[in-house]
C-alpha atoms as a PDB file:
ATOM      1  CA  MET A   1      98.177  90.296  52.805  1.00  0.00           C
ATOM      2  CA  PRO A   2     101.077  89.000  50.670  1.00  0.00           C
ATOM      3  CA  THR A   3     100.385  87.354  47.350  1.00  0.00           C
ATOM      4  CA  ARG A   4     101.285  83.743  46.694  1.00  0.00           C
ATOM      5  CA  THR A   5     104.363  84.826  44.754  1.00  0.00           C
ATOM      6  CA  ASP A   6     105.607  86.579  47.878  1.00  0.00           C
ATOM      7  CA  GLU A   7     105.174  83.599  50.168  1.00  0.00           C
ATOM      8  CA  PRO A   8     108.153  81.463  49.017  1.00  0.00           C
ATOM      9  CA  GLY A   9     110.475  84.406  49.479  1.00  0.00           C
ATOM     10  CA  ARG A  10     109.118  85.039  52.946  1.00  0.00           C
ATOM     11  CA  VAL A  11     109.460  81.354  53.835  1.00  0.00           C
ATOM     12  CA  HIS A  12     113.046  81.256  52.595  1.00  0.00           C
ATOM     13  CA  ALA A  13     113.868  84.439  54.517  1.00  0.00           C
ATOM     14  CA  THR A  14     112.366  82.932  57.669  1.00  0.00           C
ATOM     15  CA  GLN A  15     114.325  79.725  57.128  1.00  0.00           C
ATOM     16  CA  ARG A  16     117.558  81.667  56.642  1.00  0.00           C
ATOM     17  CA  ALA A  17     116.895  83.682  59.794  1.00  0.00           C
ATOM     18  CA  GLY A  18     116.194  80.491  61.731  1.00  0.00           C
ATOM     19  CA  LEU A  19     119.346  78.877  60.376  1.00  0.00           C
ATOM     20  CA  GLY A  20     121.363  81.959  61.333  1.00  0.00           C
ATOM     21  CA  ARG A  21     120.040  81.873  64.896  1.00  0.00           C
ATOM     22  CA  THR A  22     120.805  78.151  65.116  1.00  0.00           C
ATOM     23  CA  VAL A  23     124.385  78.655  63.913  1.00  0.00           C
ATOM     24  CA  VAL A  24     124.910  81.473  66.421  1.00  0.00           C
ATOM     25  CA  LEU A  25     123.434  79.414  69.273  1.00  0.00           C
ATOM     26  CA  VAL A  26     125.451  76.280  68.462  1.00  0.00           C
ATOM     27  CA  SER A  27     128.663  78.288  68.040  1.00  0.00           C
ATOM     28  CA  ALA A  28     128.153  80.174  71.301  1.00  0.00           C
ATOM     29  CA  THR A  29     127.340  76.970  73.191  1.00  0.00           C
ATOM     30  CA  SER A  30     130.441  75.243  71.793  1.00  0.00           C
ATOM     31  CA  ILE A  31     132.705  78.160  72.715  1.00  0.00           C
ATOM     32  CA  ILE A  32     131.293  78.314  76.250  1.00  0.00           C
ATOM     33  CA  PHE A  33     131.723  74.548  76.652  1.00  0.00           C
ATOM     34  CA  VAL A  34     135.355  74.642  75.456  1.00  0.00           C
ATOM     35  CA  THR A  35     136.046  77.651  77.701  1.00  0.00           C
ATOM     36  CA  LEU A  36     134.666  75.808  80.732  1.00  0.00           C
ATOM     37  CA  ILE A  37     136.903  72.835  79.932  1.00  0.00           C
ATOM     38  CA  GLY A  38     139.889  75.163  79.759  1.00  0.00           C
ATOM     39  CA  ALA A  39     138.939  76.897  82.999  1.00  0.00           C
ATOM     40  CA  ALA A  40     138.699  73.562  84.789  1.00  0.00           C
ATOM     41  CA  GLN A  41     142.140  72.572  83.475  1.00  0.00           C
ATOM     42  CA  TRP A  42     143.576  75.966  84.415  1.00  0.00           C
ATOM     43  CA  PHE A  43     142.353  75.982  87.996  1.00  0.00           C
ATOM     44  CA  ARG A  44     143.672  72.450  88.521  1.00  0.00           C
ATOM     45  CA  SER A  45     147.123  73.599  87.438  1.00  0.00           C
ATOM     46  CA  PRO A  46     149.708  73.953  90.240  1.00  0.00           C
ATOM     47  CA  ASP A  47     150.985  77.123  88.533  1.00  0.00           C
ATOM     48  CA  VAL A  48     147.840  79.055  89.435  1.00  0.00           C
ATOM     49  CA  SER A  49     148.281  81.151  92.572  1.00  0.00           C
ATOM     50  CA  LEU A  50     147.180  84.428  94.120  1.00  0.00           C
ATOM     51  CA  SER A  51     150.428  86.017  92.949  1.00  0.00           C
ATOM     52  CA  SER A  52     149.018  85.948  89.416  1.00  0.00           C
ATOM     53  CA  PHE A  53     146.248  88.291  90.549  1.00  0.00           C
ATOM     54  CA  GLU A  54     148.384  90.414  92.881  1.00  0.00           C
ATOM     55  CA  ALA A  55     150.299  91.723  89.860  1.00  0.00           C
ATOM     56  CA  LEU A  56     147.138  93.005  88.171  1.00  0.00           C
ATOM     57  CA  PRO A  57     147.290  96.625  89.480  1.00  0.00           C
ATOM     58  CA  ARG A  58     150.793  97.044  88.039  1.00  0.00           C
ATOM     59  CA  GLN A  59     149.633  95.538  84.756  1.00  0.00           C
ATOM     60  CA  TRP A  60     146.679  97.954  84.642  1.00  0.00           C
ATOM     61  CA  LEU A  61     149.035 100.916  85.029  1.00  0.00           C
ATOM     62  CA  SER A  62     151.396  99.518  82.394  1.00  0.00           C
ATOM     63  CA  ALA A  63     148.501  99.083  79.973  1.00  0.00           C
ATOM     64  CA  LEU A  64     147.366 102.669  80.535  1.00  0.00           C
ATOM     65  CA  TRP A  65     150.846 104.127  80.117  1.00  0.00           C
ATOM     66  CA  ARG A  66     151.129 104.093  76.320  1.00  0.00           C
ATOM     67  CA  PRO A  67     153.214 107.122  75.285  1.00  0.00           C
ATOM     68  CA  TRP A  68     152.914 106.473  71.553  1.00  0.00           C
ATOM     69  CA  PHE A  69     149.141 106.264  71.770  1.00  0.00           C
ATOM     70  CA  PHE A  70     148.904 109.537  73.693  1.00  0.00           C
ATOM     71  CA  ILE A  71     151.103 111.254  71.096  1.00  0.00           C
ATOM     72  CA  PHE A  72     148.854 109.798  68.399  1.00  0.00           C
ATOM     73  CA  ALA A  73     145.743 110.952  70.288  1.00  0.00           C
ATOM     74  CA  ALA A  74     147.172 114.469  70.669  1.00  0.00           C
ATOM     75  CA  VAL A  75     147.754 114.652  66.901  1.00  0.00           C
ATOM     76  CA  LEU A  76     144.190 113.510  66.242  1.00  0.00           C
ATOM     77  CA  PHE A  77     142.806 116.078  68.697  1.00  0.00           C
ATOM     78  CA  GLY A  78     144.730 118.741  66.830  1.00  0.00           C
ATOM     79  CA  MET A  79     143.257 117.524  63.554  1.00  0.00           C
ATOM     80  CA  GLN A  80     139.769 117.697  65.089  1.00  0.00           C
ATOM     81  CA  TRP A  81     140.320 121.375  65.913  1.00  0.00           C
ATOM     82  CA  ILE A  82     141.765 122.243  62.489  1.00  0.00           C
ATOM     83  CA  PHE A  83     139.774 119.930  60.180  1.00  0.00           C
ATOM     84  CA  PRO A  84     136.539 119.054  62.031  1.00  0.00           C
ATOM     85  CA  GLY A  85     134.078 116.756  60.314  1.00  0.00           C
ATOM     86  CA  ARG A  86     131.289 118.712  61.993  1.00  0.00           C
ATOM     87  CA  LYS A  87     132.041 122.213  63.240  1.00  0.00           C
ATOM     88  CA  ASP A  88     129.030 122.195  65.582  1.00  0.00           C
ATOM     89  CA  GLU A  89     130.491 119.398  67.741  1.00  0.00           C
ATOM     90  CA  ASN A  90     132.394 120.294  70.894  1.00  0.00           C
ATOM     91  CA  PRO A  91     135.769 118.469  71.131  1.00  0.00           C
ATOM     92  CA  LEU A  92     135.603 118.901  74.943  1.00  0.00           C
ATOM     93  CA  SER A  93     132.028 117.695  75.449  1.00  0.00           C
ATOM     94  CA  HIS A  94     130.518 115.686  78.316  1.00  0.00           C
ATOM     95  CA  GLY A  95     130.791 112.698  75.994  1.00  0.00           C
ATOM     96  CA  LEU A  96     134.568 113.069  75.873  1.00  0.00           C
ATOM     97  CA  VAL A  97     134.751 112.799  79.670  1.00  0.00           C
ATOM     98  CA  VAL A  98     132.619 109.650  79.606  1.00  0.00           C
ATOM     99  CA  ASP A  99     134.729 108.178  76.801  1.00  0.00           C
ATOM    100  CA  LEU A 100     137.898 108.920  78.783  1.00  0.00           C
ATOM    101  CA  CYS A 101     136.450 106.974  81.707  1.00  0.00           C
ATOM    102  CA  TRP A 102     135.629 104.083  79.385  1.00  0.00           C
ATOM    103  CA  PHE A 103     139.233 104.319  78.164  1.00  0.00           C
ATOM    104  CA  LEU A 104     140.478 104.012  81.754  1.00  0.00           C
ATOM    105  CA  LEU A 105     138.203 101.024  82.364  1.00  0.00           C
ATOM    106  CA  ALA A 106     139.314  99.192  79.210  1.00  0.00           C
ATOM    107  CA  PRO A 107     142.641  97.794  80.541  1.00  0.00           C
ATOM    108  CA  ILE A 108     140.952  96.648  83.751  1.00  0.00           C
ATOM    109  CA  LEU A 109     138.464  94.677  81.674  1.00  0.00           C
ATOM    110  CA  ALA A 110     141.134  93.454  79.240  1.00  0.00           C
ATOM    111  CA  LEU A 111     143.571  92.253  81.906  1.00  0.00           C
ATOM    112  CA  THR A 112     141.007  90.618  84.161  1.00  0.00           C
ATOM    113  CA  ILE A 113     137.738  89.413  82.661  1.00  0.00           C
ATOM    114  CA  ILE A 114     138.867  89.153  79.042  1.00  0.00           C
ATOM    115  CA  SER A 115     142.364  87.760  79.645  1.00  0.00           C
ATOM    116  CA  LEU A 116     140.960  85.137  82.015  1.00  0.00           C
ATOM    117  CA  GLN A 117     138.280  84.166  79.515  1.00  0.00           C
ATOM    118  CA  LEU A 118     140.701  83.952  76.583  1.00  0.00           C
ATOM    119  CA  GLY A 119     143.223  82.056  78.706  1.00  0.00           C
ATOM    120  CA  ALA A 120     140.559  79.525  79.602  1.00  0.00           C
ATOM    121  CA  LEU A 121     139.451  79.315  75.966  1.00  0.00           C
ATOM    122  CA  GLY A 122     143.047  78.736  74.827  1.00  0.00           C
ATOM    123  CA  ASN A 123     143.468  75.950  77.383  1.00  0.00           C
ATOM    124  CA  GLY A 124     140.177  74.453  76.267  1.00  0.00           C
ATOM    125  CA  LEU A 125     141.138  74.530  72.592  1.00  0.00           C
ATOM    126  CA  ALA A 126     144.483  72.896  73.424  1.00  0.00           C
ATOM    127  CA  THR A 127     142.695  70.211  75.472  1.00  0.00           C
ATOM    128  CA  VAL A 128     140.134  69.447  72.767  1.00  0.00           C
ATOM    129  CA  PHE A 129     142.264  69.836  69.628  1.00  0.00           C
ATOM    130  CA  GLY A 130     145.837  69.557  70.875  1.00  0.00           C
ATOM    131  CA  LYS A 131     148.329  71.511  68.749  1.00  0.00           C
ATOM    132  CA  PRO A 132     146.537  73.369  65.935  1.00  0.00           C
ATOM    133  CA  ALA A 133     146.538  71.237  62.795  1.00  0.00           C
ATOM    134  CA  THR A 134     146.638  74.410  60.714  1.00  0.00           C
ATOM    135  CA  ASP A 135     149.780  75.818  62.358  1.00  0.00           C
ATOM    136  CA  LEU A 136     151.271  77.676  59.385  1.00  0.00           C
ATOM    137  CA  VAL A 137     154.178  79.352  61.181  1.00  0.00           C
ATOM    138  CA  PRO A 138     156.789  76.715  60.202  1.00  0.00           C
ATOM    139  CA  THR A 139     155.718  77.043  56.551  1.00  0.00           C
ATOM    140  CA  LEU A 140     154.999  80.743  56.078  1.00  0.00           C
ATOM    141  CA  GLY A 141     156.906  82.364  58.906  1.00  0.00           C
ATOM    142  CA  THR A 142     155.610  84.245  61.910  1.00  0.00           C
ATOM    143  CA  TRP A 143     154.794  87.624  60.383  1.00  0.00           C
ATOM    144  CA  LYS A 144     153.103  86.259  57.255  1.00  0.00           C
ATOM    145  CA  VAL A 145     150.878  84.218  59.531  1.00  0.00           C
ATOM    146  CA  ALA A 146     150.326  87.316  61.675  1.00  0.00           C
ATOM    147  CA  ILE A 147     149.139  89.306  58.652  1.00  0.00           C
ATOM    148  CA  LEU A 148     146.921  86.425  57.531  1.00  0.00           C
ATOM    149  CA  ALA A 149     145.460  86.154  61.032  1.00  0.00           C
ATOM    150  CA  PHE A 150     144.867  89.914  61.076  1.00  0.00           C
ATOM    151  CA  VAL A 151     142.934  89.800  57.789  1.00  0.00           C
ATOM    152  CA  VAL A 152     140.912  86.778  58.931  1.00  0.00           C
ATOM    153  CA  ALA A 153     140.230  88.434  62.297  1.00  0.00           C
ATOM    154  CA  ASP A 154     139.086  91.596  60.503  1.00  0.00           C
ATOM    155  CA  LEU A 155     136.651  89.534  58.433  1.00  0.00           C
ATOM    156  CA  ILE A 156     135.349  87.863  61.579  1.00  0.00           C
ATOM    157  CA  GLY A 157     135.144  91.314  63.146  1.00  0.00           C
ATOM    158  CA  TRP A 158     132.983  92.409  60.220  1.00  0.00           C
ATOM    159  CA  VAL A 159     130.686  89.403  60.760  1.00  0.00           C
ATOM    160  CA  ASN A 160     130.560  90.077  64.505  1.00  0.00           C
ATOM    161  CA  HIS A 161     129.711  93.735  63.864  1.00  0.00           C
ATOM    162  CA  TRP A 162     126.982  92.755  61.402  1.00  0.00           C
ATOM    163  CA  MET A 163     125.548  90.292  63.937  1.00  0.00           C
ATOM    164  CA  HIS A 164     125.367  93.007  66.605  1.00  0.00           C
ATOM    165  CA  HIS A 165     123.166  95.027  64.259  1.00  0.00           C
ATOM    166  CA  LYS A 166     121.189  92.045  62.964  1.00  0.00           C
ATOM    167  CA  TYR A 167     120.088  90.507  66.272  1.00  0.00           C
ATOM    168  CA  PRO A 168     118.176  92.767  68.713  1.00  0.00           C
ATOM    169  CA  SER A 169     119.603  91.151  71.851  1.00  0.00           C
ATOM    170  CA  LEU A 170     123.169  91.775  70.649  1.00  0.00           C
ATOM    171  CA  TRP A 171     122.286  95.290  69.517  1.00  0.00           C
ATOM    172  CA  LEU A 172     121.407  96.220  73.103  1.00  0.00           C
ATOM    173  CA  PHE A 173     125.070  95.733  74.044  1.00  0.00           C
ATOM    174  CA  HIS A 174     126.362  97.383  70.868  1.00  0.00           C
ATOM    175  CA  ALA A 175     124.068 100.378  71.470  1.00  0.00           C
ATOM    176  CA  VAL A 176     126.461 101.470  74.228  1.00  0.00           C
ATOM    177  CA  HIS A 177     129.123 102.046  71.581  1.00  0.00           C
ATOM    178  CA  HIS A 178     126.703 103.857  69.265  1.00  0.00           C
ATOM    179  CA  SER A 179     125.427 106.202  71.969  1.00  0.00           C
ATOM    180  CA  GLN A 180     128.183 108.792  71.453  1.00  0.00           C
ATOM    181  CA  THR A 181     126.708 111.931  69.867  1.00  0.00           C
ATOM    182  CA  GLU A 182     130.026 113.788  69.493  1.00  0.00           C
ATOM    183  CA  MET A 183     132.713 111.495  68.122  1.00  0.00           C
ATOM    184  CA  ASN A 184     136.295 111.737  69.369  1.00  0.00           C
ATOM    185  CA  VAL A 185     139.542 109.791  69.538  1.00  0.00           C
ATOM    186  CA  PHE A 186     138.439 107.939  72.701  1.00  0.00           C
ATOM    187  CA  SER A 187     134.967 106.983  71.417  1.00  0.00           C
ATOM    188  CA  ASP A 188     136.183 103.533  70.398  1.00  0.00           C
ATOM    189  CA  SER A 189     136.704 102.734  74.104  1.00  0.00           C
ATOM    190  CA  ARG A 190     132.962 103.039  74.758  1.00  0.00           C
ATOM    191  CA  ASN A 191     132.169  99.330  74.512  1.00  0.00           C
ATOM    192  CA  HIS A 192     130.090  97.084  76.727  1.00  0.00           C
ATOM    193  CA  VAL A 193     132.151  94.314  78.310  1.00  0.00           C
ATOM    194  CA  VAL A 194     129.845  91.627  76.875  1.00  0.00           C
ATOM    195  CA  GLU A 195     130.440  92.899  73.350  1.00  0.00           C
ATOM    196  CA  VAL A 196     134.195  93.053  73.975  1.00  0.00           C
ATOM    197  CA  LEU A 197     134.163  89.464  75.237  1.00  0.00           C
ATOM    198  CA  ILE A 198     132.368  88.301  72.101  1.00  0.00           C
ATOM    199  CA  ALA A 199     134.645  90.251  69.751  1.00  0.00           C
ATOM    200  CA  SER A 200     137.830  89.146  71.547  1.00  0.00           C
ATOM    201  CA  THR A 201     136.747  85.521  71.469  1.00  0.00           C
ATOM    202  CA  LEU A 202     135.936  85.561  67.763  1.00  0.00           C
ATOM    203  CA  SER A 203     139.295  87.202  66.978  1.00  0.00           C
ATOM    204  CA  PHE A 204     141.228  84.850  69.260  1.00  0.00           C
ATOM    205  CA  ILE A 205     139.991  81.594  67.732  1.00  0.00           C
ATOM    206  CA  PRO A 206     141.455  82.028  64.204  1.00  0.00           C
ATOM    207  CA  ALA A 207     144.702  83.383  65.668  1.00  0.00           C
ATOM    208  CA  TRP A 208     144.992  80.258  67.838  1.00  0.00           C
ATOM    209  CA  PHE A 209     144.267  77.855  64.982  1.00  0.00           C
ATOM    210  CA  LEU A 210     146.806  79.621  62.754  1.00  0.00           C
ATOM    211  CA  GLY A 211     149.475  79.265  65.444  1.00  0.00           C
ATOM    212  CA  LEU A 212     149.967  82.980  66.138  1.00  0.00           C
ATOM    213  CA  ASN A 213     152.031  83.664  69.255  1.00  0.00           C
ATOM    214  CA  VAL A 214     151.150  86.163  71.963  1.00  0.00           C
ATOM    215  CA  THR A 215     153.681  88.823  70.919  1.00  0.00           C
ATOM    216  CA  GLN A 216     152.380  89.064  67.355  1.00  0.00           C
ATOM    217  CA  ALA A 217     148.770  88.952  68.544  1.00  0.00           C
ATOM    218  CA  VAL A 218     149.344  91.838  70.959  1.00  0.00           C
ATOM    219  CA  THR A 219     151.181  93.859  68.292  1.00  0.00           C
ATOM    220  CA  LEU A 220     148.326  93.456  65.825  1.00  0.00           C
ATOM    221  CA  ALA A 221     145.777  94.280  68.529  1.00  0.00           C
ATOM    222  CA  ILE A 222     147.651  97.515  69.311  1.00  0.00           C
ATOM    223  CA  PHE A 223     147.730  98.443  65.617  1.00  0.00           C
ATOM    224  CA  SER A 224     144.009  97.731  65.356  1.00  0.00           C
ATOM    225  CA  SER A 225     143.342  99.968  68.378  1.00  0.00           C
ATOM    226  CA  PHE A 226     145.188 102.852  66.682  1.00  0.00           C
ATOM    227  CA  VAL A 227     143.072 102.405  63.548  1.00  0.00           C
ATOM    228  CA  SER A 228     139.848 102.206  65.572  1.00  0.00           C
ATOM    229  CA  SER A 229     140.721 105.391  67.445  1.00  0.00           C
ATOM    230  CA  PHE A 230     141.435 107.160  64.157  1.00  0.00           C
ATOM    231  CA  ILE A 231     138.153 106.225  62.459  1.00  0.00           C
ATOM    232  CA  HIS A 232     136.105 107.445  65.430  1.00  0.00           C
ATOM    233  CA  THR A 233     137.515 110.976  65.344  1.00  0.00           C
ATOM    234  CA  ASN A 234     135.576 114.017  64.184  1.00  0.00           C
ATOM    235  CA  VAL A 235     138.032 114.693  61.356  1.00  0.00           C
ATOM    236  CA  ARG A 236     137.070 115.700  57.818  1.00  0.00           C
ATOM    237  CA  ILE A 237     138.892 113.047  55.825  1.00  0.00           C
ATOM    238  CA  ASN A 238     137.715 110.200  53.601  1.00  0.00           C
ATOM    239  CA  LEU A 239     141.207 108.919  52.608  1.00  0.00           C
ATOM    240  CA  GLY A 240     140.658 109.558  48.888  1.00  0.00           C
ATOM    241  CA  PRO A 241     141.409 106.452  46.760  1.00  0.00           C
ATOM    242  CA  LEU A 242     142.588 104.593  49.879  1.00  0.00           C
ATOM    243  CA  ARG A 243     138.966 104.499  51.067  1.00  0.00           C
ATOM    244  CA  TYR A 244     138.465 101.512  48.769  1.00  0.00           C
ATOM    245  CA  VAL A 245     140.884  99.562  50.970  1.00  0.00           C
ATOM    246  CA  PHE A 246     140.678 101.134  54.444  1.00  0.00           C
ATOM    247  CA  ILE A 247     137.871 102.519  56.591  1.00  0.00           C
ATOM    248  CA  SER A 248     137.986 106.299  56.990  1.00  0.00           C
ATOM    249  CA  PRO A 249     136.548 108.541  59.742  1.00  0.00           C
ATOM    250  CA  GLN A 250     133.954 109.741  57.223  1.00  0.00           C
ATOM    251  CA  ALA A 251     132.865 106.210  56.292  1.00  0.00           C
ATOM    252  CA  HIS A 252     132.632 105.121  59.905  1.00  0.00           C
ATOM    253  CA  ARG A 253     130.625 108.229  60.806  1.00  0.00           C
ATOM    254  CA  ILE A 254     128.111 107.104  58.177  1.00  0.00           C
ATOM    255  CA  HIS A 255     127.872 103.829  60.107  1.00  0.00           C
ATOM    256  CA  HIS A 256     127.168 105.748  63.338  1.00  0.00           C
ATOM    257  CA  SER A 257     124.715 108.081  61.596  1.00  0.00           C
ATOM    258  CA  LEU A 258     121.208 108.846  62.826  1.00  0.00           C
ATOM    259  CA  ASN A 259     119.950 109.065  59.218  1.00  0.00           C
ATOM    260  CA  ASP A 260     117.664 106.171  58.292  1.00  0.00           C
ATOM    261  CA  ASP A 261     119.350 105.894  54.899  1.00  0.00           C
ATOM    262  CA  HIS A 262     122.686 105.115  56.566  1.00  0.00           C
ATOM    263  CA  TYR A 263     121.459 102.303  58.832  1.00  0.00           C
ATOM    264  CA  ASN A 264     123.120  98.895  58.554  1.00  0.00           C
ATOM    265  CA  THR A 265     125.981 100.009  56.321  1.00  0.00           C
ATOM    266  CA  ASN A 266     129.782 100.327  56.569  1.00  0.00           C
ATOM    267  CA  PHE A 267     130.424  97.532  59.084  1.00  0.00           C
ATOM    268  CA  GLY A 268     134.177  97.385  58.436  1.00  0.00           C
ATOM    269  CA  THR A 269     136.719  98.161  61.145  1.00  0.00           C
ATOM    270  CA  VAL A 270     140.043  98.255  59.300  1.00  0.00           C
ATOM    271  CA  PHE A 271     139.475  97.094  55.716  1.00  0.00           C
ATOM    272  CA  SER A 272     136.594  98.523  53.704  1.00  0.00           C
ATOM    273  CA  TRP A 273     136.645  95.787  51.064  1.00  0.00           C
ATOM    274  CA  TRP A 274     134.373  93.554  53.166  1.00  0.00           C
ATOM    275  CA  ASP A 275     131.570  96.092  52.767  1.00  0.00           C
ATOM    276  CA  TYR A 276     132.096  96.132  49.011  1.00  0.00           C
ATOM    277  CA  ILE A 277     132.124  92.326  48.884  1.00  0.00           C
ATOM    278  CA  PHE A 278     128.974  91.935  50.998  1.00  0.00           C
ATOM    279  CA  ASN A 279     127.202  94.936  49.454  1.00  0.00           C
ATOM    280  CA  THR A 280     126.946  96.907  52.693  1.00  0.00           C
ATOM    281  CA  LYS A 281     129.087  99.867  51.611  1.00  0.00           C
ATOM    282  CA  HIS A 282     127.137 103.120  51.548  1.00  0.00           C
ATOM    283  CA  PRO A 283     127.956 105.261  48.484  1.00  0.00           C
ATOM    284  CA  ASP A 284     127.985 108.497  50.504  1.00  0.00           C
ATOM    285  CA  ASP A 285     131.652 109.467  50.861  1.00  0.00           C
ATOM    286  CA  ARG A 286     131.155 113.183  51.493  1.00  0.00           C
ATOM    287  CA  SER A 287     128.685 113.886  54.314  1.00  0.00           C
ATOM    288  CA  TYR A 288     129.337 114.018  58.076  1.00  0.00           C
ATOM    289  CA  PRO A 289     125.952 113.346  59.709  1.00  0.00           C
ATOM    290  CA  ARG A 290     124.973 113.505  63.354  1.00  0.00           C
ATOM    291  CA  THR A 291     125.542 110.337  65.345  1.00  0.00           C
ATOM    292  CA  GLY A 292     123.900 108.539  68.261  1.00  0.00           C
ATOM    293  CA  ILE A 293     120.931 106.257  68.913  1.00  0.00           C
ATOM    294  CA  THR A 294     117.190 106.903  68.977  1.00  0.00           C
ATOM    295  CA  ASP A 295     116.272 104.735  71.983  1.00  0.00           C
ATOM    296  CA  GLU A 296     114.873 107.165  74.556  1.00  0.00           C
ATOM    297  CA  ARG A 297     115.412 104.587  77.310  1.00  0.00           C
ATOM    298  CA  PHE A 298     119.182 104.754  76.918  1.00  0.00           C
ATOM    299  CA  PRO A 299     121.003 106.639  79.733  1.00  0.00           C
ATOM    300  CA  LEU A 300     122.928 109.345  77.870  1.00  0.00           C
ATOM    301  CA  GLU A 301     125.480 111.503  79.685  1.00  0.00           C
ATOM    302  CA  ARG A 302     124.151 114.867  80.892  1.00  0.00           C
ATOM    303  CA  SER A 303     127.013 116.074  83.057  1.00  0.00           C
ATOM    304  CA  ALA A 304     130.796 115.834  83.387  1.00  0.00           C
ATOM    305  CA  ARG A 305     130.706 115.762  87.200  1.00  0.00           C
ATOM    306  CA  PRO A 306     132.510 112.643  88.531  1.00  0.00           C
ATOM    307  CA  ILE A 307     129.497 111.212  90.376  1.00  0.00           C
ATOM    308  CA  ALA A 308     127.244 111.789  87.369  1.00  0.00           C
ATOM    309  CA  VAL A 309     129.763 110.184  85.010  1.00  0.00           C
ATOM    310  CA  GLY A 310     130.076 107.146  87.284  1.00  0.00           C
ATOM    311  CA  ARG A 311     126.304 106.756  87.393  1.00  0.00           C
ATOM    312  CA  THR A 312     126.076 107.145  83.631  1.00  0.00           C
ATOM    313  CA  ILE A 313     128.622 104.419  82.928  1.00  0.00           C
ATOM    314  CA  GLY A 314     127.005 102.118  85.480  1.00  0.00           C
ATOM    315  CA  SER A 315     123.593 102.731  83.907  1.00  0.00           C
ATOM    316  CA  GLN A 316     124.981 102.100  80.429  1.00  0.00           C
ATOM    317  CA  LEU A 317     126.479  98.793  81.570  1.00  0.00           C
ATOM    318  CA  LEU A 318     123.148  97.752  83.091  1.00  0.00           C
ATOM    319  CA  TYR A 319     121.004  99.027  80.212  1.00  0.00           C
ATOM    320  CA  PRO A 320     121.057  95.837  78.041  1.00  0.00           C
ATOM    321  CA  PHE A 321     120.236  93.589  80.988  1.00  0.00           C
ATOM    322  CA  LYS A 322     117.355  95.832  82.096  1.00  0.00           C
ATOM    323  CA  VAL A 323     115.830  95.802  78.618  1.00  0.00           C
ATOM    324  CA  LEU A 324     116.259  92.027  78.291  1.00  0.00           C
ATOM    325  CA  ALA A 325     114.735  91.470  81.740  1.00  0.00           C
ATOM    326  CA  ALA A 326     111.806  93.868  81.226  1.00  0.00           C
ATOM    327  CA  PRO A 327     109.390  91.305  79.668  1.00  0.00           C
ATOM    328  CA  PHE A 328     109.920  88.945  82.601  1.00  0.00           C
ATOM    329  CA  SER A 329     109.474  91.625  85.264  1.00  0.00           C
ATOM    330  CA  HIS A 330     105.927  92.319  84.067  1.00  0.00           C
ATOM    331  CA  ASN A 331     104.838  88.709  84.573  1.00  0.00           C
END
């Protein structure tokens, strides 16, 4: 039983946790409400037609055909063979096949569910707020605003990442990403659509308020995807002195680690300084631990056969909902 001196601390911790949940709930409700307003405005627009959706297959193929990324991926695969972080990991594992399938699914999700949601959110923000009062483009110029938006979005990404580890219901969706036991250049594509929706929304809002246009936003998103692919590779590199500014594959592997000592550390995606600022940077900058999750209920990949891979991805998408629904199914 805690002593009386412990009780105020426990009360304050409980109050902070309750306040955090309230902030998350109010923010989520507000975003959903604004998105619904934007969706209603969008569907009433005479510009909306079936032709907008008929072009989607071509857009999916265009999104997949990224020559520079494939050249970049080939270089990283070569580095994995020559400078592996862990020599006991197979670069051509079952997990790679599953990650490749997630990679193929990503543009379908991005150009349908996510683009529709962000389009509706943008319309909703314009309806509620009009032109952003903080539009800095006329003052600073487009690319300075783009860099500012990128830094702000990376901070929000850090907060979003921290939240997905802090709150059990969000962790269930983030667990899909952490399930990879043999990291590779495509591991960053292993993301549940719900988590991607949340992350995209939180990145979109500051970009909209800062007045960033679509071209700059897409360019920064592409750059971020290159960085994310790099830090998920099984490459023995910690970036030396640059690790105090940027996340390295070694630092991010610590975040994915199965070691208890590494839990809830290194939340950064691009810049490592957030972890130093918020005291979540792990001092280990040398080891390359095993990765994965400990939840035995999670449907890990066991085969690279097409049917098995399809079932695995489907099961991984359903996993969070099954766990969340489990308490109700027993009643």
